Amino acid sequence: MTITDTTLCLNCGKHTARQLACTGCGVVSSAATRESDYFRLFGLPHKLALDVDDLGARYYALSRRFHPDLWHDSPPAEREASVRATAIVNNAYQALKDPVRRALYWLSLHGESLGRDNERVPPELATLVFEVQEKLEDLRAMRAGGDGAAAEAEMRGVHQDLRARMGAFAARLEENFRRTDGANGAGAAALTETKAILSELHYVRTLLRDVEKELEPQWNA
């Protein structure tokens, strides 16, 4: 990866050399935090499938360039801009390095969100959600009666199954990224599939957290 001596203004996108107070539009405004394109910020094409190591290298290069310590002798406006720029870079990196957050950000770029799609349990997961919740209730009841060992052993099996499902979702999401990129990013079918995967993943991840929370005292004993 090559990083040039010029940087992009986080507000207007023009090259600004080493300045944070862009000659084209002035000091980075608070609106830039909401409007910055995370892909453009790192000089990346609008593709969901990305090289995380490359992203990390770009992140550290920008972090070093915008770090407030480098601007401590600069005018107040530029010092403030460096703090805002650093926050933008950090937020962008956190959003893009995680596949789930990247997919959610991608939806937002296309005016989409999970919204109401995430308020109802996906039909294909309804049975799983019911069964896991029922087993959690059984575990709590058996513990209250002083005999939770068998239920805890069964719940550890449930935990392994949910972890495996999360791995499968990660693979589905990566494949979805490739298909979405092949459709130039905004195909209706690709966006619908992305939302469906994220919705299902959300419920499985919630179940996994509930199970881990219930088992945590035993694991830490």
C-alpha atoms as a PDB file:
ATOM      1  CA  MET A   1       0.000   0.000   0.000  1.00  0.00           C
ATOM      2  CA  THR A   2       1.289   3.474  -0.859  1.00  0.00           C
ATOM      3  CA  ILE A   3       0.418   6.526   1.205  1.00  0.00           C
ATOM      4  CA  THR A   4       1.261   9.814  -0.523  1.00  0.00           C
ATOM      5  CA  ASP A   5       2.340  13.039   1.150  1.00  0.00           C
ATOM      6  CA  THR A   6      -1.101  14.509   0.621  1.00  0.00           C
ATOM      7  CA  THR A   7      -4.181  13.898   2.692  1.00  0.00           C
ATOM      8  CA  LEU A   8      -7.821  14.384   1.919  1.00  0.00           C
ATOM      9  CA  CYS A   9      -9.903  17.016   3.615  1.00  0.00           C
ATOM     10  CA  LEU A  10     -12.424  15.114   5.696  1.00  0.00           C
ATOM     11  CA  ASN A  11     -15.089  17.611   4.698  1.00  0.00           C
ATOM     12  CA  CYS A  12     -14.762  18.242   0.973  1.00  0.00           C
ATOM     13  CA  GLY A  13     -12.452  15.401  -0.061  1.00  0.00           C
ATOM     14  CA  LYS A  14      -9.860  17.639  -1.726  1.00  0.00           C
ATOM     15  CA  HIS A  15      -6.148  17.097  -1.260  1.00  0.00           C
ATOM     16  CA  THR A  16      -4.891  19.401   1.482  1.00  0.00           C
ATOM     17  CA  ALA A  17      -1.199  18.511   1.835  1.00  0.00           C
ATOM     18  CA  ARG A  18      -0.417  18.559   5.556  1.00  0.00           C
ATOM     19  CA  GLN A  19      -3.155  21.026   6.441  1.00  0.00           C
ATOM     20  CA  LEU A  20      -6.146  20.124   8.537  1.00  0.00           C
ATOM     21  CA  ALA A  21      -7.700  23.527   7.920  1.00  0.00           C
ATOM     22  CA  CYS A  22      -8.554  22.952   4.275  1.00  0.00           C
ATOM     23  CA  THR A  23      -7.933  25.882   1.938  1.00  0.00           C
ATOM     24  CA  GLY A  24     -10.957  24.783  -0.044  1.00  0.00           C
ATOM     25  CA  CYS A  25     -13.617  24.707   2.674  1.00  0.00           C
ATOM     26  CA  GLY A  26     -11.966  25.798   5.916  1.00  0.00           C
ATOM     27  CA  VAL A  27     -11.599  23.875   9.127  1.00  0.00           C
ATOM     28  CA  VAL A  28     -13.264  20.470   9.258  1.00  0.00           C
ATOM     29  CA  SER A  29     -16.791  21.035  10.525  1.00  0.00           C
ATOM     30  CA  SER A  30     -18.811  18.932  12.936  1.00  0.00           C
ATOM     31  CA  ALA A  31     -21.040  17.960  10.007  1.00  0.00           C
ATOM     32  CA  ALA A  32     -18.080  16.119   8.504  1.00  0.00           C
ATOM     33  CA  THR A  33     -18.295  13.550  11.272  1.00  0.00           C
ATOM     34  CA  ARG A  34     -21.762  12.578  10.102  1.00  0.00           C
ATOM     35  CA  GLU A  35     -21.103  12.870   6.401  1.00  0.00           C
ATOM     36  CA  SER A  36     -17.600  11.439   5.913  1.00  0.00           C
ATOM     37  CA  ASP A  37     -17.463   8.482   3.571  1.00  0.00           C
ATOM     38  CA  TYR A  38     -15.434   5.881   5.471  1.00  0.00           C
ATOM     39  CA  PHE A  39     -14.305   4.097   2.324  1.00  0.00           C
ATOM     40  CA  ARG A  40     -13.128   7.304   0.672  1.00  0.00           C
ATOM     41  CA  LEU A  41     -11.441   8.372   3.897  1.00  0.00           C
ATOM     42  CA  PHE A  42      -9.094   5.387   3.674  1.00  0.00           C
ATOM     43  CA  GLY A  43      -8.690   5.648  -0.092  1.00  0.00           C
ATOM     44  CA  LEU A  44     -10.606   2.418  -0.623  1.00  0.00           C
ATOM     45  CA  PRO A  45     -13.047   1.516  -3.393  1.00  0.00           C
ATOM     46  CA  HIS A  46     -16.659   1.032  -2.408  1.00  0.00           C
ATOM     47  CA  LYS A  47     -16.360  -2.716  -1.905  1.00  0.00           C
ATOM     48  CA  LEU A  48     -17.643  -4.755   1.024  1.00  0.00           C
ATOM     49  CA  ALA A  49     -14.973  -7.432   0.693  1.00  0.00           C
ATOM     50  CA  LEU A  50     -11.777  -5.767   1.850  1.00  0.00           C
ATOM     51  CA  ASP A  51      -8.312  -6.650   3.097  1.00  0.00           C
ATOM     52  CA  VAL A  52      -8.388  -6.010   6.850  1.00  0.00           C
ATOM     53  CA  ASP A  53      -4.580  -5.874   7.054  1.00  0.00           C
ATOM     54  CA  ASP A  54      -4.512  -3.221   4.347  1.00  0.00           C
ATOM     55  CA  LEU A  55      -7.264  -1.321   6.158  1.00  0.00           C
ATOM     56  CA  GLY A  56      -5.208  -1.454   9.351  1.00  0.00           C
ATOM     57  CA  ALA A  57      -2.131  -0.054   7.594  1.00  0.00           C
ATOM     58  CA  ARG A  58      -4.167   2.809   6.160  1.00  0.00           C
ATOM     59  CA  TYR A  59      -5.718   3.456   9.567  1.00  0.00           C
ATOM     60  CA  TYR A  60      -2.374   3.689  11.357  1.00  0.00           C
ATOM     61  CA  ALA A  61      -0.973   5.952   8.635  1.00  0.00           C
ATOM     62  CA  LEU A  62      -3.891   8.365   8.998  1.00  0.00           C
ATOM     63  CA  SER A  63      -3.826   8.146  12.786  1.00  0.00           C
ATOM     64  CA  ARG A  64      -0.181   9.186  12.850  1.00  0.00           C
ATOM     65  CA  ARG A  65      -0.849  12.022  10.453  1.00  0.00           C
ATOM     66  CA  PHE A  66      -3.806  13.464  12.340  1.00  0.00           C
ATOM     67  CA  HIS A  67      -2.722  12.727  15.907  1.00  0.00           C
ATOM     68  CA  PRO A  68      -3.332  15.816  18.105  1.00  0.00           C
ATOM     69  CA  ASP A  69       0.223  15.618  19.508  1.00  0.00           C
ATOM     70  CA  LEU A  70       1.520  16.638  16.085  1.00  0.00           C
ATOM     71  CA  TRP A  71      -0.638  19.764  16.160  1.00  0.00           C
ATOM     72  CA  HIS A  72      -0.057  20.999  19.702  1.00  0.00           C
ATOM     73  CA  ASP A  73       1.852  24.091  18.462  1.00  0.00           C
ATOM     74  CA  SER A  74      -0.707  24.870  15.751  1.00  0.00           C
ATOM     75  CA  PRO A  75      -3.473  27.491  15.937  1.00  0.00           C
ATOM     76  CA  PRO A  76      -6.504  26.479  18.067  1.00  0.00           C
ATOM     77  CA  ALA A  77      -8.713  25.856  15.027  1.00  0.00           C
ATOM     78  CA  GLU A  78      -6.249  23.327  13.614  1.00  0.00           C
ATOM     79  CA  ARG A  79      -5.763  21.635  16.991  1.00  0.00           C
ATOM     80  CA  GLU A  80      -9.520  21.228  17.293  1.00  0.00           C
ATOM     81  CA  ALA A  81      -9.691  19.941  13.731  1.00  0.00           C
ATOM     82  CA  SER A  82      -7.041  17.320  14.499  1.00  0.00           C
ATOM     83  CA  VAL A  83      -9.105  16.042  17.433  1.00  0.00           C
ATOM     84  CA  ARG A  84     -12.210  15.798  15.245  1.00  0.00           C
ATOM     85  CA  ALA A  85     -10.243  14.184  12.434  1.00  0.00           C
ATOM     86  CA  THR A  86      -8.809  11.600  14.827  1.00  0.00           C
ATOM     87  CA  ALA A  87     -12.301  10.760  16.074  1.00  0.00           C
ATOM     88  CA  ILE A  88     -13.556  10.359  12.508  1.00  0.00           C
ATOM     89  CA  VAL A  89     -10.648   8.086  11.580  1.00  0.00           C
ATOM     90  CA  ASN A  90     -11.178   5.941  14.694  1.00  0.00           C
ATOM     91  CA  ASN A  91     -14.927   5.635  14.087  1.00  0.00           C
ATOM     92  CA  ALA A  92     -14.354   4.758  10.442  1.00  0.00           C
ATOM     93  CA  TYR A  93     -11.835   2.059  11.289  1.00  0.00           C
ATOM     94  CA  GLN A  94     -14.069   0.484  13.930  1.00  0.00           C
ATOM     95  CA  ALA A  95     -16.962   0.443  11.458  1.00  0.00           C
ATOM     96  CA  LEU A  96     -15.035  -1.112   8.567  1.00  0.00           C
ATOM     97  CA  LYS A  97     -12.826  -3.657  10.317  1.00  0.00           C
ATOM     98  CA  ASP A  98     -15.788  -5.614  11.727  1.00  0.00           C
ATOM     99  CA  PRO A  99     -17.818  -7.390   9.000  1.00  0.00           C
ATOM    100  CA  VAL A 100     -21.155  -6.884  10.771  1.00  0.00           C
ATOM    101  CA  ARG A 101     -20.593  -3.191  11.436  1.00  0.00           C
ATOM    102  CA  ARG A 102     -19.289  -2.816   7.883  1.00  0.00           C
ATOM    103  CA  ALA A 103     -22.480  -4.339   6.501  1.00  0.00           C
ATOM    104  CA  LEU A 104     -24.638  -2.084   8.691  1.00  0.00           C
ATOM    105  CA  TYR A 105     -22.657   0.944   7.519  1.00  0.00           C
ATOM    106  CA  TRP A 106     -23.062  -0.220   3.924  1.00  0.00           C
ATOM    107  CA  LEU A 107     -26.816  -0.332   4.369  1.00  0.00           C
ATOM    108  CA  SER A 108     -26.783   3.202   5.759  1.00  0.00           C
ATOM    109  CA  LEU A 109     -24.831   4.430   2.716  1.00  0.00           C
ATOM    110  CA  HIS A 110     -27.680   3.139   0.561  1.00  0.00           C
ATOM    111  CA  GLY A 111     -30.428   4.632   2.708  1.00  0.00           C
ATOM    112  CA  GLU A 112     -31.281   1.275   4.282  1.00  0.00           C
ATOM    113  CA  SER A 113     -31.320  -0.103   7.831  1.00  0.00           C
ATOM    114  CA  LEU A 114     -32.582  -3.189   9.605  1.00  0.00           C
ATOM    115  CA  GLY A 115     -35.418  -1.165  11.123  1.00  0.00           C
ATOM    116  CA  ARG A 116     -38.659  -3.099  11.244  1.00  0.00           C
ATOM    117  CA  ASP A 117     -36.979  -6.055   9.563  1.00  0.00           C
ATOM    118  CA  ASN A 118     -35.278  -6.689  12.886  1.00  0.00           C
ATOM    119  CA  GLU A 119     -38.339  -6.376  15.142  1.00  0.00           C
ATOM    120  CA  ARG A 120     -39.674  -9.843  14.382  1.00  0.00           C
ATOM    121  CA  VAL A 121     -37.853 -13.119  14.764  1.00  0.00           C
ATOM    122  CA  PRO A 122     -37.045 -14.507  11.297  1.00  0.00           C
ATOM    123  CA  PRO A 123     -39.360 -17.512  10.681  1.00  0.00           C
ATOM    124  CA  GLU A 124     -36.429 -19.874  10.114  1.00  0.00           C
ATOM    125  CA  LEU A 125     -35.110 -19.047  13.593  1.00  0.00           C
ATOM    126  CA  ALA A 126     -38.388 -18.996  15.512  1.00  0.00           C
ATOM    127  CA  THR A 127     -38.094 -22.613  16.669  1.00  0.00           C
ATOM    128  CA  LEU A 128     -34.478 -22.164  17.731  1.00  0.00           C
ATOM    129  CA  VAL A 129     -35.251 -19.007  19.712  1.00  0.00           C
ATOM    130  CA  PHE A 130     -38.164 -20.690  21.484  1.00  0.00           C
ATOM    131  CA  GLU A 131     -36.162 -23.824  22.322  1.00  0.00           C
ATOM    132  CA  VAL A 132     -33.127 -21.966  23.669  1.00  0.00           C
ATOM    133  CA  GLN A 133     -35.261 -19.655  25.799  1.00  0.00           C
ATOM    134  CA  GLU A 134     -37.172 -22.648  27.132  1.00  0.00           C
ATOM    135  CA  LYS A 135     -33.924 -24.434  28.038  1.00  0.00           C
ATOM    136  CA  LEU A 136     -32.667 -21.328  29.809  1.00  0.00           C
ATOM    137  CA  GLU A 137     -35.833 -21.236  31.895  1.00  0.00           C
ATOM    138  CA  ASP A 138     -35.446 -24.950  32.692  1.00  0.00           C
ATOM    139  CA  LEU A 139     -31.845 -24.385  33.758  1.00  0.00           C
ATOM    140  CA  ARG A 140     -32.831 -21.572  36.122  1.00  0.00           C
ATOM    141  CA  ALA A 141     -35.649 -23.658  37.603  1.00  0.00           C
ATOM    142  CA  MET A 142     -33.430 -26.714  38.120  1.00  0.00           C
ATOM    143  CA  ARG A 143     -30.736 -24.603  39.731  1.00  0.00           C
ATOM    144  CA  ALA A 144     -33.311 -23.169  42.097  1.00  0.00           C
ATOM    145  CA  GLY A 145     -34.171 -26.747  43.054  1.00  0.00           C
ATOM    146  CA  GLY A 146     -30.511 -27.549  43.676  1.00  0.00           C
ATOM    147  CA  ASP A 147     -30.064 -29.861  40.675  1.00  0.00           C
ATOM    148  CA  GLY A 148     -28.804 -27.947  37.670  1.00  0.00           C
ATOM    149  CA  ALA A 149     -25.833 -30.082  36.605  1.00  0.00           C
ATOM    150  CA  ALA A 150     -27.637 -31.940  33.802  1.00  0.00           C
ATOM    151  CA  ALA A 151     -29.244 -28.766  32.487  1.00  0.00           C
ATOM    152  CA  GLU A 152     -25.885 -26.975  32.556  1.00  0.00           C
ATOM    153  CA  ALA A 153     -24.277 -29.776  30.534  1.00  0.00           C
ATOM    154  CA  GLU A 154     -27.069 -29.510  27.977  1.00  0.00           C
ATOM    155  CA  MET A 155     -26.685 -25.734  27.862  1.00  0.00           C
ATOM    156  CA  ARG A 156     -22.981 -26.069  27.108  1.00  0.00           C
ATOM    157  CA  GLY A 157     -24.001 -28.134  24.087  1.00  0.00           C
ATOM    158  CA  VAL A 158     -26.395 -25.359  23.064  1.00  0.00           C
ATOM    159  CA  HIS A 159     -23.550 -22.895  23.417  1.00  0.00           C
ATOM    160  CA  GLN A 160     -21.350 -24.905  21.049  1.00  0.00           C
ATOM    161  CA  ASP A 161     -24.179 -25.079  18.527  1.00  0.00           C
ATOM    162  CA  LEU A 162     -24.723 -21.310  18.653  1.00  0.00           C
ATOM    163  CA  ARG A 163     -20.997 -20.677  18.230  1.00  0.00           C
ATOM    164  CA  ALA A 164     -21.040 -22.906  15.153  1.00  0.00           C
ATOM    165  CA  ARG A 165     -24.031 -20.997  13.787  1.00  0.00           C
ATOM    166  CA  MET A 166     -22.175 -17.705  14.275  1.00  0.00           C
ATOM    167  CA  GLY A 167     -19.282 -19.100  12.258  1.00  0.00           C
ATOM    168  CA  ALA A 168     -21.696 -20.081   9.507  1.00  0.00           C
ATOM    169  CA  PHE A 169     -23.182 -16.587   9.495  1.00  0.00           C
ATOM    170  CA  ALA A 170     -19.694 -15.099   9.123  1.00  0.00           C
ATOM    171  CA  ALA A 171     -19.126 -17.272   6.059  1.00  0.00           C
ATOM    172  CA  ARG A 172     -22.530 -16.318   4.615  1.00  0.00           C
ATOM    173  CA  LEU A 173     -21.769 -12.653   5.146  1.00  0.00           C
ATOM    174  CA  GLU A 174     -18.414 -12.907   3.358  1.00  0.00           C
ATOM    175  CA  GLU A 175     -20.081 -14.637   0.422  1.00  0.00           C
ATOM    176  CA  ASN A 176     -22.774 -11.959   0.429  1.00  0.00           C
ATOM    177  CA  PHE A 177     -20.035  -9.323   0.278  1.00  0.00           C
ATOM    178  CA  ARG A 178     -18.615 -10.902  -2.857  1.00  0.00           C
ATOM    179  CA  ARG A 179     -22.031 -11.081  -4.506  1.00  0.00           C
ATOM    180  CA  THR A 180     -22.848  -7.516  -3.505  1.00  0.00           C
ATOM    181  CA  ASP A 181     -19.565  -6.247  -4.924  1.00  0.00           C
ATOM    182  CA  GLY A 182     -20.289  -8.154  -8.123  1.00  0.00           C
ATOM    183  CA  ALA A 183     -23.638  -6.355  -8.354  1.00  0.00           C
ATOM    184  CA  ASN A 184     -21.838  -3.007  -8.004  1.00  0.00           C
ATOM    185  CA  GLY A 185     -23.011  -2.642  -4.440  1.00  0.00           C
ATOM    186  CA  ALA A 186     -26.553  -1.384  -4.693  1.00  0.00           C
ATOM    187  CA  GLY A 187     -28.534  -4.191  -6.269  1.00  0.00           C
ATOM    188  CA  ALA A 188     -31.897  -4.573  -4.553  1.00  0.00           C
ATOM    189  CA  ALA A 189     -31.491  -8.322  -4.188  1.00  0.00           C
ATOM    190  CA  ALA A 190     -28.020  -7.943  -2.658  1.00  0.00           C
ATOM    191  CA  LEU A 191     -29.216  -5.348  -0.134  1.00  0.00           C
ATOM    192  CA  THR A 192     -32.218  -7.498   0.797  1.00  0.00           C
ATOM    193  CA  GLU A 193     -29.965 -10.495   1.355  1.00  0.00           C
ATOM    194  CA  THR A 194     -27.592  -8.426   3.489  1.00  0.00           C
ATOM    195  CA  LYS A 195     -30.468  -7.283   5.692  1.00  0.00           C
ATOM    196  CA  ALA A 196     -31.774 -10.850   6.057  1.00  0.00           C
ATOM    197  CA  ILE A 197     -28.380 -12.208   7.120  1.00  0.00           C
ATOM    198  CA  LEU A 198     -27.842  -9.390   9.609  1.00  0.00           C
ATOM    199  CA  SER A 199     -31.301  -9.888  11.091  1.00  0.00           C
ATOM    200  CA  GLU A 200     -30.759 -13.612  11.599  1.00  0.00           C
ATOM    201  CA  LEU A 201     -27.281 -13.035  12.963  1.00  0.00           C
ATOM    202  CA  HIS A 202     -28.621 -10.505  15.466  1.00  0.00           C
ATOM    203  CA  TYR A 203     -30.990 -13.033  17.018  1.00  0.00           C
ATOM    204  CA  VAL A 204     -28.429 -15.834  17.164  1.00  0.00           C
ATOM    205  CA  ARG A 205     -25.865 -13.491  18.702  1.00  0.00           C
ATOM    206  CA  THR A 206     -28.438 -12.387  21.306  1.00  0.00           C
ATOM    207  CA  LEU A 207     -29.151 -16.023  22.175  1.00  0.00           C
ATOM    208  CA  LEU A 208     -25.432 -16.705  22.436  1.00  0.00           C
ATOM    209  CA  ARG A 209     -24.966 -13.803  24.824  1.00  0.00           C
ATOM    210  CA  ASP A 210     -27.904 -14.960  26.959  1.00  0.00           C
ATOM    211  CA  VAL A 211     -26.459 -18.465  27.187  1.00  0.00           C
ATOM    212  CA  GLU A 212     -22.960 -17.204  27.988  1.00  0.00           C
ATOM    213  CA  LYS A 213     -24.346 -14.912  30.657  1.00  0.00           C
ATOM    214  CA  GLU A 214     -26.152 -17.852  32.254  1.00  0.00           C
ATOM    215  CA  LEU A 215     -23.072 -20.084  32.097  1.00  0.00           C
ATOM    216  CA  GLU A 216     -20.534 -17.445  33.073  1.00  0.00           C
ATOM    217  CA  PRO A 217     -20.604 -18.125  36.866  1.00  0.00           C
ATOM    218  CA  GLN A 218     -19.781 -21.789  36.204  1.00  0.00           C
ATOM    219  CA  TRP A 219     -16.978 -20.929  33.786  1.00  0.00           C
ATOM    220  CA  ASN A 220     -15.444 -18.476  36.269  1.00  0.00           C
ATOM    221  CA  ALA A 221     -15.863 -20.738  39.311  1.00  0.00           C
END
